[in-house]
Amino acid sequence: MVDVGDKPATQRRAVARAVVRLTPATAQRLAAGDVPKGDVLATARVAGIQAAKRTSELIPLCHALPLSSVSVEETVDAAAGTLTLVAEARTTAQTGVEMEALTAASVAALTAYDMLKALERGIEIASVVLLEKSGGASGDWRREE
């Protein structure tokens, strides 16, 4: 692990996004809450939050951080056939929370995939990206889209 012992603890924030592609018919059922395994969106939110809290156990050499906040928000676009999951993580620590936000978005997407695969096998987790981060010596960063 990188030694961050001499760095000051500062407020850190990171936002990541996962995009899941599915057919409009499956997306419509997701939006309507008509999925055999239950409430996909609520389950994906909880899974993402739990995953963020366990990031250091999943990613080798990742520091364990005292998270002050984790959230996962979702948007279903039935016409486009997309589920977009946006995860935000916050902490006051000596290193950033990018990995926690990315892990939350990834696991939320994997959870949605697992719960929807009975309806459609061709679901695709199309992307997982860091959208922005703030705090620390490197300052603020935002993805240009």
N, C-alpha and C. Protein backbone atom coordinates (compact mmCIF):
# COMPACT_ATOMS: atom_id res chain seq x y z
N MET A 1 0.85 -1.19 0.00
CA MET A 1 0.00 0.00 0.00
C MET A 1 0.88 1.24 0.00
N VAL A 2 0.39 2.27 -0.61
CA VAL A 2 1.08 3.54 -0.61
C VAL A 2 0.96 4.15 0.79
N ASP A 3 2.05 4.71 1.31
CA ASP A 3 2.04 5.33 2.63
C ASP A 3 1.42 6.72 2.52
N VAL A 4 0.27 6.90 3.15
CA VAL A 4 -0.40 8.21 3.15
C VAL A 4 -0.34 8.85 4.54
N GLY A 5 0.49 8.30 5.40
CA GLY A 5 0.57 8.74 6.79
C GLY A 5 0.92 10.19 6.98
N ASP A 6 1.71 10.78 6.07
CA ASP A 6 2.11 12.18 6.21
C ASP A 6 1.14 13.15 5.55
N LYS A 7 0.14 12.63 4.87
CA LYS A 7 -0.82 13.50 4.19
C LYS A 7 -1.88 13.98 5.18
N PRO A 8 -2.34 15.22 5.03
CA PRO A 8 -3.41 15.69 5.92
C PRO A 8 -4.76 15.07 5.51
N ALA A 9 -5.59 14.84 6.48
CA ALA A 9 -6.95 14.37 6.21
C ALA A 9 -7.76 15.56 5.69
N THR A 10 -8.37 15.38 4.51
CA THR A 10 -9.20 16.42 3.93
C THR A 10 -10.51 15.82 3.48
N GLN A 11 -11.49 16.68 3.23
CA GLN A 11 -12.77 16.20 2.73
C GLN A 11 -12.60 15.72 1.29
N ARG A 12 -13.09 14.52 1.02
CA ARG A 12 -12.97 13.92 -0.30
C ARG A 12 -14.36 13.50 -0.78
N ARG A 13 -14.54 13.57 -2.11
CA ARG A 13 -15.82 13.19 -2.72
C ARG A 13 -15.52 12.61 -4.08
N ALA A 14 -16.24 11.57 -4.46
CA ALA A 14 -16.12 11.00 -5.80
C ALA A 14 -17.49 10.54 -6.28
N VAL A 15 -17.71 10.66 -7.60
CA VAL A 15 -18.96 10.25 -8.22
C VAL A 15 -18.62 9.36 -9.41
N ALA A 16 -19.27 8.20 -9.48
CA ALA A 16 -19.05 7.25 -10.57
C ALA A 16 -20.39 6.85 -11.16
N ARG A 17 -20.35 6.39 -12.42
CA ARG A 17 -21.58 6.00 -13.11
C ARG A 17 -21.40 4.66 -13.80
N ALA A 18 -22.44 3.83 -13.71
CA ALA A 18 -22.51 2.59 -14.47
C ALA A 18 -23.74 2.67 -15.36
N VAL A 19 -23.59 2.24 -16.61
CA VAL A 19 -24.72 2.21 -17.54
C VAL A 19 -24.98 0.76 -17.92
N VAL A 20 -26.22 0.32 -17.72
CA VAL A 20 -26.64 -1.03 -18.05
C VAL A 20 -27.59 -0.93 -19.25
N ARG A 21 -27.29 -1.68 -20.30
CA ARG A 21 -28.14 -1.68 -21.50
C ARG A 21 -28.99 -2.95 -21.51
N LEU A 22 -30.27 -2.77 -21.80
CA LEU A 22 -31.21 -3.88 -21.87
C LEU A 22 -32.26 -3.54 -22.92
N THR A 23 -33.10 -4.46 -23.25
CA THR A 23 -34.13 -4.16 -24.24
C THR A 23 -35.15 -3.19 -23.64
N PRO A 24 -35.81 -2.42 -24.48
CA PRO A 24 -36.86 -1.54 -23.96
C PRO A 24 -37.94 -2.30 -23.20
N ALA A 25 -38.26 -3.53 -23.63
CA ALA A 25 -39.28 -4.32 -22.93
C ALA A 25 -38.84 -4.65 -21.50
N THR A 26 -37.58 -5.05 -21.34
CA THR A 26 -37.07 -5.35 -20.00
C THR A 26 -36.99 -4.07 -19.17
N ALA A 27 -36.54 -2.98 -19.78
CA ALA A 27 -36.47 -1.70 -19.07
C ALA A 27 -37.85 -1.24 -18.62
N GLN A 28 -38.85 -1.49 -19.43
CA GLN A 28 -40.23 -1.12 -19.06
C GLN A 28 -40.68 -1.92 -17.84
N ARG A 29 -40.39 -3.20 -17.84
CA ARG A 29 -40.75 -4.03 -16.68
C ARG A 29 -39.98 -3.59 -15.43
N LEU A 30 -38.72 -3.23 -15.61
CA LEU A 30 -37.91 -2.73 -14.49
C LEU A 30 -38.54 -1.45 -13.93
N ALA A 31 -38.88 -0.52 -14.80
CA ALA A 31 -39.48 0.74 -14.37
C ALA A 31 -40.82 0.53 -13.67
N ALA A 32 -41.56 -0.48 -14.12
CA ALA A 32 -42.87 -0.77 -13.53
C ALA A 32 -42.77 -1.61 -12.26
N GLY A 33 -41.58 -2.10 -11.93
CA GLY A 33 -41.42 -2.95 -10.75
C GLY A 33 -41.96 -4.34 -10.97
N ASP A 34 -42.03 -4.77 -12.22
CA ASP A 34 -42.58 -6.07 -12.59
C ASP A 34 -41.45 -7.06 -12.91
N VAL A 35 -40.69 -7.42 -11.88
CA VAL A 35 -39.54 -8.32 -12.04
C VAL A 35 -39.70 -9.46 -11.04
N PRO A 36 -39.57 -10.72 -11.48
CA PRO A 36 -39.79 -11.86 -10.59
C PRO A 36 -38.95 -11.86 -9.31
N LYS A 37 -37.72 -11.38 -9.38
CA LYS A 37 -36.84 -11.42 -8.19
C LYS A 37 -37.13 -10.31 -7.19
N GLY A 38 -38.00 -9.37 -7.52
CA GLY A 38 -38.35 -8.33 -6.56
C GLY A 38 -37.90 -6.94 -6.99
N ASP A 39 -37.71 -6.08 -6.01
CA ASP A 39 -37.39 -4.67 -6.24
C ASP A 39 -35.93 -4.51 -6.63
N VAL A 40 -35.68 -4.49 -7.92
CA VAL A 40 -34.31 -4.42 -8.45
C VAL A 40 -33.62 -3.14 -8.02
N LEU A 41 -34.28 -2.03 -8.14
CA LEU A 41 -33.64 -0.74 -7.88
C LEU A 41 -33.26 -0.58 -6.41
N ALA A 42 -34.14 -0.94 -5.51
CA ALA A 42 -33.82 -0.84 -4.07
C ALA A 42 -32.68 -1.80 -3.71
N THR A 43 -32.73 -3.01 -4.26
CA THR A 43 -31.70 -3.99 -3.97
C THR A 43 -30.35 -3.54 -4.52
N ALA A 44 -30.34 -2.98 -5.73
CA ALA A 44 -29.10 -2.49 -6.32
C ALA A 44 -28.51 -1.34 -5.50
N ARG A 45 -29.37 -0.45 -5.01
CA ARG A 45 -28.89 0.66 -4.16
C ARG A 45 -28.19 0.12 -2.92
N VAL A 46 -28.85 -0.80 -2.22
CA VAL A 46 -28.27 -1.36 -0.99
C VAL A 46 -26.98 -2.11 -1.29
N ALA A 47 -26.96 -2.88 -2.38
CA ALA A 47 -25.76 -3.64 -2.75
C ALA A 47 -24.60 -2.69 -3.04
N GLY A 48 -24.88 -1.60 -3.74
CA GLY A 48 -23.83 -0.63 -4.04
C GLY A 48 -23.26 0.01 -2.78
N ILE A 49 -24.14 0.36 -1.86
CA ILE A 49 -23.69 0.96 -0.59
C ILE A 49 -22.86 -0.04 0.20
N GLN A 50 -23.33 -1.27 0.29
CA GLN A 50 -22.56 -2.30 1.01
C GLN A 50 -21.20 -2.52 0.37
N ALA A 51 -21.16 -2.53 -0.95
CA ALA A 51 -19.89 -2.76 -1.66
C ALA A 51 -18.90 -1.63 -1.39
N ALA A 52 -19.38 -0.38 -1.39
CA ALA A 52 -18.49 0.74 -1.12
C ALA A 52 -17.84 0.59 0.25
N LYS A 53 -18.62 0.12 1.22
CA LYS A 53 -18.11 -0.05 2.57
C LYS A 53 -17.06 -1.17 2.67
N ARG A 54 -17.03 -2.06 1.68
CA ARG A 54 -16.10 -3.21 1.71
C ARG A 54 -15.05 -3.14 0.61
N THR A 55 -14.87 -1.98 0.02
CA THR A 55 -13.95 -1.83 -1.10
C THR A 55 -12.54 -2.32 -0.76
N SER A 56 -12.04 -1.97 0.39
CA SER A 56 -10.66 -2.37 0.74
C SER A 56 -10.51 -3.88 0.88
N GLU A 57 -11.61 -4.60 1.09
CA GLU A 57 -11.55 -6.06 1.14
C GLU A 57 -11.55 -6.66 -0.27
N LEU A 58 -12.06 -5.92 -1.24
CA LEU A 58 -12.21 -6.42 -2.61
C LEU A 58 -11.04 -6.04 -3.51
N ILE A 59 -10.47 -4.86 -3.31
CA ILE A 59 -9.42 -4.33 -4.18
C ILE A 59 -8.09 -4.39 -3.42
N PRO A 60 -7.16 -5.19 -3.90
CA PRO A 60 -5.86 -5.29 -3.22
C PRO A 60 -5.17 -3.92 -3.13
N LEU A 61 -4.56 -3.66 -2.00
CA LEU A 61 -3.78 -2.45 -1.74
C LEU A 61 -4.61 -1.18 -1.61
N CYS A 62 -5.92 -1.31 -1.56
CA CYS A 62 -6.81 -0.16 -1.39
C CYS A 62 -6.96 0.12 0.10
N HIS A 63 -6.79 1.38 0.49
CA HIS A 63 -6.91 1.75 1.90
C HIS A 63 -8.36 1.61 2.40
N ALA A 64 -8.52 1.20 3.63
CA ALA A 64 -9.83 1.19 4.28
C ALA A 64 -10.13 2.63 4.72
N LEU A 65 -11.30 3.12 4.33
CA LEU A 65 -11.64 4.51 4.62
C LEU A 65 -12.88 4.61 5.49
N PRO A 66 -12.91 5.62 6.36
CA PRO A 66 -14.12 5.88 7.15
C PRO A 66 -15.11 6.68 6.31
N LEU A 67 -16.01 6.01 5.65
CA LEU A 67 -16.95 6.70 4.77
C LEU A 67 -17.96 7.49 5.59
N SER A 68 -18.19 8.72 5.19
CA SER A 68 -19.19 9.53 5.87
C SER A 68 -20.52 9.48 5.14
N SER A 69 -20.49 9.12 3.84
CA SER A 69 -21.71 9.05 3.07
C SER A 69 -21.48 8.22 1.81
N VAL A 70 -22.47 7.40 1.47
CA VAL A 70 -22.50 6.70 0.18
C VAL A 70 -23.94 6.70 -0.29
N SER A 71 -24.14 7.03 -1.55
CA SER A 71 -25.48 6.96 -2.12
C SER A 71 -25.40 6.38 -3.52
N VAL A 72 -26.49 5.75 -3.94
CA VAL A 72 -26.62 5.25 -5.31
C VAL A 72 -27.99 5.69 -5.80
N GLU A 73 -27.99 6.43 -6.89
CA GLU A 73 -29.23 6.90 -7.51
C GLU A 73 -29.37 6.23 -8.86
N GLU A 74 -30.61 5.95 -9.26
CA GLU A 74 -30.83 5.25 -10.52
C GLU A 74 -31.82 6.01 -11.40
N THR A 75 -31.63 5.82 -12.72
CA THR A 75 -32.55 6.36 -13.71
C THR A 75 -32.80 5.27 -14.74
N VAL A 76 -34.06 4.97 -14.97
CA VAL A 76 -34.44 4.01 -16.00
C VAL A 76 -35.01 4.77 -17.18
N ASP A 77 -34.45 4.54 -18.36
CA ASP A 77 -34.99 5.10 -19.59
C ASP A 77 -35.52 3.92 -20.40
N ALA A 78 -36.82 3.66 -20.26
CA ALA A 78 -37.41 2.48 -20.89
C ALA A 78 -37.31 2.55 -22.41
N ALA A 79 -37.52 3.71 -23.00
CA ALA A 79 -37.48 3.84 -24.46
C ALA A 79 -36.09 3.54 -25.00
N ALA A 80 -35.06 4.02 -24.29
CA ALA A 80 -33.68 3.80 -24.73
C ALA A 80 -33.15 2.44 -24.29
N GLY A 81 -33.81 1.81 -23.33
CA GLY A 81 -33.34 0.53 -22.81
C GLY A 81 -32.08 0.68 -21.97
N THR A 82 -32.09 1.66 -21.06
CA THR A 82 -30.91 1.85 -20.20
C THR A 82 -31.31 2.01 -18.73
N LEU A 83 -30.44 1.52 -17.90
CA LEU A 83 -30.48 1.77 -16.46
C LEU A 83 -29.17 2.46 -16.14
N THR A 84 -29.25 3.67 -15.61
CA THR A 84 -28.06 4.42 -15.24
C THR A 84 -28.00 4.49 -13.72
N LEU A 85 -26.85 4.09 -13.16
CA LEU A 85 -26.64 4.09 -11.71
C LEU A 85 -25.50 5.05 -11.40
N VAL A 86 -25.77 6.03 -10.55
CA VAL A 86 -24.76 7.01 -10.18
C VAL A 86 -24.49 6.88 -8.69
N ALA A 87 -23.23 6.61 -8.36
CA ALA A 87 -22.83 6.42 -6.97
C ALA A 87 -21.95 7.59 -6.52
N GLU A 88 -22.19 8.06 -5.31
CA GLU A 88 -21.38 9.12 -4.71
C GLU A 88 -20.85 8.63 -3.38
N ALA A 89 -19.57 8.85 -3.13
CA ALA A 89 -18.95 8.49 -1.85
C ALA A 89 -18.24 9.72 -1.29
N ARG A 90 -18.30 9.85 0.04
CA ARG A 90 -17.65 10.97 0.73
C ARG A 90 -16.91 10.47 1.96
N THR A 91 -15.82 11.16 2.27
CA THR A 91 -15.05 10.85 3.46
C THR A 91 -14.21 12.06 3.84
N THR A 92 -13.69 12.05 5.04
CA THR A 92 -12.60 12.94 5.43
C THR A 92 -11.45 12.01 5.75
N ALA A 93 -10.44 12.01 4.89
CA ALA A 93 -9.36 11.04 5.03
C ALA A 93 -8.11 11.54 4.32
N GLN A 94 -7.07 10.70 4.33
CA GLN A 94 -5.79 11.04 3.73
C GLN A 94 -5.66 10.58 2.28
N THR A 95 -6.68 9.90 1.77
CA THR A 95 -6.69 9.45 0.39
C THR A 95 -8.11 9.48 -0.15
N GLY A 96 -8.24 9.43 -1.45
CA GLY A 96 -9.54 9.65 -2.09
C GLY A 96 -10.49 8.47 -2.06
N VAL A 97 -11.72 8.73 -2.48
CA VAL A 97 -12.79 7.72 -2.46
C VAL A 97 -13.25 7.30 -3.86
N GLU A 98 -12.36 7.47 -4.85
CA GLU A 98 -12.74 7.08 -6.20
C GLU A 98 -13.07 5.59 -6.27
N MET A 99 -12.25 4.75 -5.65
CA MET A 99 -12.47 3.31 -5.73
C MET A 99 -13.78 2.91 -5.06
N GLU A 100 -14.16 3.60 -4.00
CA GLU A 100 -15.43 3.30 -3.34
C GLU A 100 -16.61 3.66 -4.23
N ALA A 101 -16.55 4.80 -4.89
CA ALA A 101 -17.63 5.20 -5.79
C ALA A 101 -17.72 4.25 -6.99
N LEU A 102 -16.57 3.90 -7.56
CA LEU A 102 -16.56 2.97 -8.70
C LEU A 102 -17.05 1.58 -8.30
N THR A 103 -16.68 1.13 -7.13
CA THR A 103 -17.13 -0.18 -6.64
C THR A 103 -18.63 -0.17 -6.40
N ALA A 104 -19.14 0.90 -5.82
CA ALA A 104 -20.59 1.00 -5.58
C ALA A 104 -21.36 0.95 -6.90
N ALA A 105 -20.93 1.71 -7.89
CA ALA A 105 -21.62 1.71 -9.18
C ALA A 105 -21.53 0.34 -9.85
N SER A 106 -20.36 -0.28 -9.78
CA SER A 106 -20.16 -1.59 -10.41
C SER A 106 -21.03 -2.67 -9.78
N VAL A 107 -21.04 -2.73 -8.47
CA VAL A 107 -21.81 -3.77 -7.79
C VAL A 107 -23.31 -3.52 -7.91
N ALA A 108 -23.71 -2.27 -7.93
CA ALA A 108 -25.13 -1.97 -8.18
C ALA A 108 -25.53 -2.48 -9.57
N ALA A 109 -24.67 -2.27 -10.57
CA ALA A 109 -24.96 -2.75 -11.92
C ALA A 109 -24.97 -4.28 -11.97
N LEU A 110 -24.03 -4.93 -11.31
CA LEU A 110 -24.00 -6.39 -11.27
C LEU A 110 -25.25 -6.95 -10.59
N THR A 111 -25.70 -6.28 -9.56
CA THR A 111 -26.91 -6.72 -8.85
C THR A 111 -28.13 -6.61 -9.77
N ALA A 112 -28.24 -5.51 -10.48
CA ALA A 112 -29.34 -5.35 -11.43
C ALA A 112 -29.27 -6.45 -12.49
N TYR A 113 -28.08 -6.72 -13.00
CA TYR A 113 -27.91 -7.79 -13.99
C TYR A 113 -28.42 -9.12 -13.42
N ASP A 114 -27.99 -9.44 -12.22
CA ASP A 114 -28.39 -10.71 -11.60
C ASP A 114 -29.90 -10.81 -11.45
N MET A 115 -30.53 -9.74 -11.05
CA MET A 115 -31.97 -9.77 -10.82
C MET A 115 -32.79 -9.73 -12.10
N LEU A 116 -32.20 -9.25 -13.19
CA LEU A 116 -32.92 -9.13 -14.47
C LEU A 116 -32.60 -10.24 -15.46
N LYS A 117 -31.59 -11.04 -15.19
CA LYS A 117 -31.16 -12.04 -16.18
C LYS A 117 -32.22 -13.09 -16.50
N ALA A 118 -33.17 -13.31 -15.61
CA ALA A 118 -34.26 -14.25 -15.90
C ALA A 118 -35.17 -13.69 -17.00
N LEU A 119 -35.21 -12.38 -17.15
CA LEU A 119 -36.02 -11.75 -18.19
C LEU A 119 -35.27 -11.61 -19.50
N GLU A 120 -33.94 -11.46 -19.40
CA GLU A 120 -33.14 -11.19 -20.60
C GLU A 120 -31.70 -11.60 -20.36
N ARG A 121 -31.17 -12.43 -21.23
CA ARG A 121 -29.77 -12.87 -21.11
C ARG A 121 -28.79 -11.91 -21.75
N GLY A 122 -29.24 -11.05 -22.64
CA GLY A 122 -28.33 -10.18 -23.38
C GLY A 122 -28.04 -8.84 -22.73
N ILE A 123 -28.30 -8.72 -21.44
CA ILE A 123 -28.03 -7.47 -20.74
C ILE A 123 -26.53 -7.18 -20.78
N GLU A 124 -26.20 -5.91 -20.91
CA GLU A 124 -24.80 -5.51 -21.00
C GLU A 124 -24.51 -4.41 -19.99
N ILE A 125 -23.45 -4.59 -19.21
CA ILE A 125 -22.95 -3.48 -18.41
C ILE A 125 -22.00 -2.75 -19.34
N ALA A 126 -22.49 -1.64 -19.90
CA ALA A 126 -21.82 -0.98 -21.01
C ALA A 126 -20.63 -0.13 -20.58
N SER A 127 -20.71 0.46 -19.40
CA SER A 127 -19.60 1.30 -18.95
C SER A 127 -19.67 1.51 -17.45
N VAL A 128 -18.50 1.71 -16.88
CA VAL A 128 -18.36 2.14 -15.49
C VAL A 128 -17.25 3.19 -15.52
N VAL A 129 -17.59 4.43 -15.17
CA VAL A 129 -16.62 5.52 -15.27
C VAL A 129 -16.68 6.42 -14.04
N LEU A 130 -15.54 7.01 -13.74
CA LEU A 130 -15.48 8.06 -12.73
C LEU A 130 -15.94 9.36 -13.39
N LEU A 131 -16.91 10.02 -12.79
CA LEU A 131 -17.42 11.27 -13.34
C LEU A 131 -16.71 12.49 -12.75
N GLU A 132 -16.43 12.43 -11.45
CA GLU A 132 -15.75 13.56 -10.80
C GLU A 132 -15.18 13.15 -9.47
N LYS A 133 -14.21 13.93 -9.02
CA LYS A 133 -13.64 13.76 -7.69
C LYS A 133 -13.20 15.12 -7.19
N SER A 134 -13.19 15.26 -5.87
CA SER A 134 -12.72 16.51 -5.27
C SER A 134 -12.00 16.19 -3.98
N GLY A 135 -11.13 17.11 -3.60
CA GLY A 135 -10.38 16.97 -2.37
C GLY A 135 -8.97 16.47 -2.62
N GLY A 136 -8.13 16.66 -1.62
CA GLY A 136 -6.76 16.18 -1.70
C GLY A 136 -5.84 17.13 -2.45
N ALA A 137 -4.58 16.73 -2.53
CA ALA A 137 -3.55 17.57 -3.15
C ALA A 137 -3.78 17.76 -4.64
N SER A 138 -4.36 16.78 -5.30
CA SER A 138 -4.55 16.90 -6.75
C SER A 138 -5.77 17.74 -7.10
N GLY A 139 -6.57 18.10 -6.12
CA GLY A 139 -7.70 19.00 -6.35
C GLY A 139 -8.88 18.35 -7.03
N ASP A 140 -9.64 19.17 -7.71
CA ASP A 140 -10.88 18.72 -8.33
C ASP A 140 -10.63 18.21 -9.74
N TRP A 141 -11.44 17.26 -10.15
CA TRP A 141 -11.38 16.70 -11.51
C TRP A 141 -12.79 16.35 -11.95
N ARG A 142 -13.10 16.61 -13.20
CA ARG A 142 -14.41 16.27 -13.75
C ARG A 142 -14.22 15.71 -15.15
N ARG A 143 -14.91 14.61 -15.43
CA ARG A 143 -14.87 13.96 -16.75
C ARG A 143 -15.55 14.87 -17.77
N GLU A 144 -14.91 15.06 -18.87
CA GLU A 144 -15.52 15.83 -19.96
C GLU A 144 -16.29 14.87 -20.86
N GLU A 145 -17.55 15.19 -21.09
CA GLU A 145 -18.37 14.31 -21.92
C GLU A 145 -18.92 15.03 -23.11
